[in-house]
Amino acid sequence: MTINCKGNLIDLLSPKVMGILNITPDSFYDGGHFKNETAILNHVESMLNQGASFIDIGAYSSRPNADFVSESIELQRILPIIETVLKHFPKALISIDTFRSAVAKQCIEAGAALVNDISAGKLDKNMLQTVANLHVPYIMMHMEGTPQTMQQHTNYSNLTKDILFYFSERIALAKSLGIVDIVIDPGFGFAKNLEQNYELLNHLELFKMIEKPILVGVSRKSMIYKTLETTANEALNGTTVLNTIALQKGASILRVHDVKEAMETVKLVESLNI
């Protein structure tokens, strides 16, 4: 199971880690932490040295009730960061966290390698065709509504079956347009309440029937810190526990804030399969 990133075949049979670089002022955990070039480059260097295969850059917070950000502001935030990161780390594989086709196109043209779309193309009718034209891997996530309204969309007839059907439809459409490399993300925390997040994790292995790599992003999310009655800052141990479970249930990519700990988790879980 591989994806082609800028001519590099990435083997996802061995799980990989995607490090998060939020350049938004309002992300739930690290918003506003990386305000200048030095801080950004130090963080990227640290994640790469710790073993991250991908760096996921987002300029629009998708946390519940996040503020709206215009397309022009999103581009103003993200394009200089791509240029800076690739200038210093030319081999870095950058994933662009956006649901806008114009942002995806300009970022890929600037040197990014993947598109990570929280809406699976449902928030921009041009996204799927744009990704097909760009010939890059596409991460499609399950979400209902928008970041501003998603927590009002938590009614499902059968959570797992509904999400499996959602992916079957979106994948069929993506493939019909010519998208080759597809990764699915069940969307923990997106249009799902606390109990639904754990139900989804409990049945994660069922998503292997889709025969696409599975990305899991639970890093420091409220499903952890609300359950433990703590905070995002204190949710690293809980993140490691859930990442371990996700790997055992078939996750191919862990999207995380803490790369070192995630890499250790991958190494230990893989050792069980020797």
Protein backbone atom coordinates (compact mmCIF):
# COMPACT_ATOMS: atom_id res chain seq x y z
CA MET A 1 0.00 0.00 0.00
CA THR A 2 1.84 3.07 -1.28
CA ILE A 3 1.21 6.69 -2.21
CA ASN A 4 3.27 8.70 -4.68
CA CYS A 5 4.54 11.99 -3.23
CA LYS A 6 6.55 14.03 -5.72
CA GLY A 7 7.96 10.87 -7.27
CA ASN A 8 8.66 9.18 -3.92
CA LEU A 9 6.71 6.00 -3.25
CA ILE A 10 5.78 6.04 0.44
CA ASP A 11 5.07 2.56 1.78
CA LEU A 12 2.18 2.78 4.24
CA LEU A 13 2.26 -0.88 5.19
CA SER A 14 4.69 0.44 7.78
CA PRO A 15 2.74 3.20 9.59
CA LYS A 16 3.94 6.76 9.18
CA VAL A 17 3.67 9.90 11.29
CA MET A 18 2.37 13.26 10.08
CA GLY A 19 3.52 16.19 12.18
CA ILE A 20 1.17 19.16 12.62
CA LEU A 21 2.20 22.74 11.93
CA ASN A 22 -0.69 25.08 12.71
CA ILE A 23 -0.11 28.65 11.60
CA THR A 24 -3.49 29.82 12.83
CA PRO A 25 -3.94 32.04 15.88
CA ASP A 26 -6.92 30.03 17.19
CA SER A 27 -6.15 26.30 16.92
CA PHE A 28 -7.33 24.41 19.98
CA TYR A 29 -3.87 23.32 21.19
CA ASP A 30 -1.02 25.19 19.52
CA GLY A 31 -2.74 28.25 18.11
CA GLY A 32 -0.40 31.21 17.93
CA HIS A 33 2.67 29.25 19.03
CA PHE A 34 4.53 29.64 15.76
CA LYS A 35 4.49 33.35 15.03
CA ASN A 36 7.80 33.86 13.28
CA GLU A 37 10.09 32.13 10.81
CA THR A 38 12.57 30.95 13.42
CA ALA A 39 9.90 29.28 15.55
CA ILE A 40 8.36 27.63 12.50
CA LEU A 41 11.65 26.30 11.15
CA ASN A 42 12.75 25.04 14.57
CA HIS A 43 9.49 23.16 14.94
CA VAL A 44 9.66 21.65 11.45
CA GLU A 45 13.30 20.64 11.94
CA SER A 46 12.42 18.99 15.23
CA MET A 47 9.53 17.03 13.70
CA LEU A 48 11.63 15.88 10.74
CA ASN A 49 14.52 14.84 12.98
CA GLN A 50 12.12 12.91 15.17
CA GLY A 51 10.92 10.92 12.18
CA ALA A 52 7.88 12.64 10.67
CA SER A 53 7.25 11.51 7.09
CA PHE A 54 4.88 14.41 6.41
CA ILE A 55 4.41 17.95 7.69
CA ASP A 56 0.76 19.01 7.68
CA ILE A 57 0.37 22.79 7.41
CA GLY A 58 -2.96 24.45 8.12
CA ALA A 59 -3.93 28.11 7.97
CA TYR A 60 -7.63 27.74 8.80
CA SER A 61 -8.54 26.31 12.19
CA SER A 62 -11.10 23.53 11.90
CA ARG A 63 -11.84 23.29 15.62
CA PRO A 64 -15.54 23.48 16.56
CA ASN A 65 -16.94 27.00 16.14
CA ALA A 66 -13.72 28.22 14.55
CA ASP A 67 -13.73 31.70 13.08
CA PHE A 68 -14.26 32.02 9.34
CA VAL A 69 -11.09 32.82 7.39
CA SER A 70 -11.21 34.22 3.87
CA GLU A 71 -9.44 32.47 1.02
CA SER A 72 -7.08 35.42 0.52
CA ILE A 73 -6.03 35.41 4.18
CA GLU A 74 -5.55 31.65 4.12
CA LEU A 75 -3.22 32.01 1.14
CA GLN A 76 -1.38 34.96 2.69
CA ARG A 77 -0.71 32.83 5.76
CA ILE A 78 0.29 29.59 4.10
CA LEU A 79 2.21 30.29 0.89
CA PRO A 80 5.20 32.05 2.54
CA ILE A 81 5.45 29.18 5.04
CA ILE A 82 5.65 26.57 2.28
CA GLU A 83 8.37 28.59 0.56
CA THR A 84 10.32 29.01 3.80
CA VAL A 85 10.05 25.36 4.84
CA LEU A 86 11.09 24.02 1.44
CA LYS A 87 13.95 26.49 1.17
CA HIS A 88 15.46 25.04 4.35
CA PHE A 89 14.15 21.46 4.04
CA PRO A 90 13.77 20.80 0.30
CA LYS A 91 12.99 17.10 0.77
CA ALA A 92 10.15 17.71 3.22
CA LEU A 93 6.80 16.30 2.12
CA ILE A 94 4.26 18.97 2.94
CA SER A 95 0.58 18.20 3.31
CA ILE A 96 -1.81 21.12 2.89
CA ASP A 97 -4.75 21.16 5.28
CA THR A 98 -7.43 22.99 3.28
CA PHE A 99 -10.90 22.46 1.86
CA ARG A 100 -10.46 25.10 -0.86
CA SER A 101 -9.40 24.08 -4.35
CA ALA A 102 -7.68 27.39 -5.14
CA VAL A 103 -5.59 27.13 -1.97
CA ALA A 104 -4.73 23.51 -2.74
CA LYS A 105 -3.69 24.37 -6.29
CA GLN A 106 -1.42 27.27 -5.36
CA CYS A 107 0.15 25.34 -2.48
CA ILE A 108 0.93 22.30 -4.64
CA GLU A 109 2.37 24.57 -7.30
CA ALA A 110 4.53 26.11 -4.54
CA GLY A 111 5.96 22.68 -3.74
CA ALA A 112 3.57 20.91 -1.37
CA ALA A 113 3.06 17.18 -1.94
CA LEU A 114 -0.40 16.21 -0.63
CA VAL A 115 -3.84 17.70 -0.08
CA ASN A 116 -5.61 17.05 3.24
CA ASP A 117 -9.29 18.02 2.94
CA ILE A 118 -11.57 17.89 5.99
CA SER A 119 -14.64 17.92 3.73
CA ALA A 120 -13.72 15.27 1.11
CA GLY A 121 -14.56 17.82 -1.56
CA LYS A 122 -18.04 18.65 -0.24
CA LEU A 123 -17.21 22.27 0.68
CA ASP A 124 -15.72 23.13 -2.72
CA LYS A 125 -17.22 21.61 -5.88
CA ASN A 126 -13.91 22.11 -7.71
CA MET A 127 -11.69 20.34 -5.18
CA LEU A 128 -11.79 16.78 -6.53
CA GLN A 129 -11.17 17.80 -10.12
CA THR A 130 -8.37 20.13 -9.01
CA VAL A 131 -6.64 17.33 -7.08
CA ALA A 132 -7.05 15.01 -10.07
CA ASN A 133 -5.41 17.61 -12.32
CA LEU A 134 -2.55 18.07 -9.85
CA HIS A 135 -1.83 14.30 -9.64
CA VAL A 136 -1.16 14.35 -5.90
CA PRO A 137 -2.33 12.12 -3.04
CA TYR A 138 -5.62 13.17 -1.48
CA ILE A 139 -6.62 12.71 2.15
CA MET A 140 -10.40 12.81 2.44
CA MET A 141 -12.00 13.17 5.84
CA HIS A 142 -15.52 12.50 7.06
CA MET A 143 -17.35 15.57 8.29
CA GLU A 144 -20.90 16.86 8.09
CA GLY A 145 -21.59 20.58 7.85
CA THR A 146 -18.75 23.08 8.27
CA PRO A 147 -16.27 23.73 11.11
CA GLN A 148 -18.76 26.33 12.35
CA THR A 149 -21.80 23.98 12.29
CA MET A 150 -20.44 20.42 12.45
CA GLN A 151 -21.35 19.78 16.08
CA GLN A 152 -24.99 20.27 15.13
CA HIS A 153 -24.71 17.30 12.75
CA THR A 154 -24.24 14.31 15.04
CA ASN A 155 -27.38 12.32 14.22
CA TYR A 156 -26.67 9.03 12.45
CA SER A 157 -28.83 5.99 11.77
CA ASN A 158 -25.71 3.85 12.25
CA LEU A 159 -22.48 5.76 12.77
CA THR A 160 -19.99 3.30 11.28
CA LYS A 161 -22.21 2.23 8.38
CA ASP A 162 -23.06 5.83 7.54
CA ILE A 163 -19.38 6.82 7.42
CA LEU A 164 -18.45 3.76 5.37
CA PHE A 165 -21.18 4.69 2.88
CA TYR A 166 -19.92 8.30 2.82
CA PHE A 167 -16.43 7.10 1.89
CA SER A 168 -17.71 4.67 -0.74
CA GLU A 169 -19.50 7.55 -2.48
CA ARG A 170 -16.63 10.06 -2.19
CA ILE A 171 -13.99 7.53 -3.27
CA ALA A 172 -16.05 6.45 -6.29
CA LEU A 173 -16.39 10.08 -7.38
CA ALA A 174 -12.71 10.82 -6.79
CA LYS A 175 -11.62 7.75 -8.76
CA SER A 176 -13.98 8.61 -11.62
CA LEU A 177 -12.20 11.96 -11.96
CA GLY A 178 -8.76 10.35 -11.97
CA ILE A 179 -7.52 10.63 -8.39
CA VAL A 180 -5.25 7.64 -7.81
CA ASP A 181 -3.78 7.91 -4.31
CA ILE A 182 -6.52 8.26 -1.69
CA VAL A 183 -6.22 8.18 2.11
CA ILE A 184 -9.31 8.14 4.33
CA ASP A 185 -9.67 9.92 7.67
CA PRO A 186 -12.73 8.98 9.77
CA GLY A 187 -12.71 12.47 11.27
CA PHE A 188 -12.48 12.08 15.03
CA GLY A 189 -14.08 15.12 16.64
CA PHE A 190 -15.79 16.29 13.46
CA ALA A 191 -19.59 16.06 13.58
CA LYS A 192 -19.28 13.44 16.31
CA ASN A 193 -19.95 13.65 20.01
CA LEU A 194 -17.77 12.14 22.72
CA GLU A 195 -19.46 8.75 22.73
CA GLN A 196 -19.47 8.57 18.92
CA ASN A 197 -15.72 9.19 18.78
CA TYR A 198 -15.10 6.13 20.94
CA GLU A 199 -17.63 4.07 19.02
CA LEU A 200 -15.78 4.99 15.84
CA LEU A 201 -12.40 4.05 17.30
CA ASN A 202 -13.83 0.79 18.59
CA HIS A 203 -14.89 -0.16 15.06
CA LEU A 204 -11.93 1.35 13.20
CA GLU A 205 -10.79 -2.02 11.83
CA LEU A 206 -13.97 -2.16 9.72
CA PHE A 207 -12.61 0.67 7.59
CA LYS A 208 -9.90 -1.65 6.29
CA MET A 209 -12.57 -3.13 3.99
CA ILE A 210 -12.32 0.07 1.92
CA GLU A 211 -8.75 -0.96 1.06
CA LYS A 212 -7.35 2.55 1.41
CA PRO A 213 -4.77 3.79 3.93
CA ILE A 214 -6.38 5.12 7.11
CA LEU A 215 -5.24 8.35 8.75
CA VAL A 216 -6.12 8.87 12.41
CA GLY A 217 -5.98 12.26 14.07
CA VAL A 218 -6.84 12.16 17.76
CA SER A 219 -3.85 14.14 19.02
CA ARG A 220 -4.74 16.04 22.22
CA LYS A 221 -8.40 16.27 21.18
CA SER A 222 -11.33 16.82 23.50
CA MET A 223 -12.33 13.15 23.28
CA ILE A 224 -9.22 12.58 25.39
CA TYR A 225 -9.05 15.51 27.76
CA LYS A 226 -12.79 15.69 28.45
CA THR A 227 -12.86 11.98 29.28
CA LEU A 228 -9.86 12.41 31.58
CA GLU A 229 -11.19 15.71 32.97
CA THR A 230 -7.98 17.50 32.12
CA THR A 231 -6.74 19.84 29.35
CA ALA A 232 -5.22 19.59 25.88
CA ASN A 233 -1.85 20.48 27.41
CA GLU A 234 -2.06 17.40 29.63
CA ALA A 235 -3.42 15.01 27.01
CA LEU A 236 -0.20 13.52 25.61
CA ASN A 237 -0.42 10.27 27.55
CA GLY A 238 -4.03 9.81 26.50
CA THR A 239 -3.06 10.56 22.90
CA THR A 240 -0.44 7.81 23.01
CA VAL A 241 -2.97 5.31 24.35
CA LEU A 242 -5.49 6.02 21.60
CA ASN A 243 -2.78 6.08 18.92
CA THR A 244 -1.72 2.62 20.08
CA ILE A 245 -5.27 1.34 19.71
CA ALA A 246 -5.60 3.00 16.29
CA LEU A 247 -2.42 1.32 15.04
CA GLN A 248 -3.59 -2.07 16.28
CA LYS A 249 -6.86 -1.53 14.41
CA GLY A 250 -5.18 -0.66 11.11
CA ALA A 251 -4.17 3.01 11.05
CA SER A 252 -1.51 3.77 8.43
CA ILE A 253 -0.82 7.42 9.34
CA LEU A 254 -0.93 9.13 12.73
CA ARG A 255 -1.48 12.90 12.53
CA VAL A 256 0.05 14.31 15.71
CA HIS A 257 1.42 17.30 17.56
CA ASP A 258 4.06 15.16 19.29
CA VAL A 259 6.14 13.30 16.71
CA LYS A 260 8.70 11.67 19.01
CA GLU A 261 6.08 9.94 21.13
CA ALA A 262 4.11 8.87 18.06
CA MET A 263 7.21 7.36 16.44
CA GLU A 264 7.90 5.43 19.62
CA THR A 265 4.31 4.17 19.57
CA VAL A 266 4.68 2.98 15.97
CA LYS A 267 7.96 1.22 16.76
CA LEU A 268 6.54 -0.60 19.77
CA VAL A 269 3.32 -1.66 18.05
CA GLU A 270 5.26 -2.85 15.01
CA SER A 271 7.44 -4.97 17.27
CA LEU A 272 4.35 -7.00 18.17
CA ASN A 273 4.08 -8.12 14.56
CA ILE A 274 7.62 -9.45 14.14
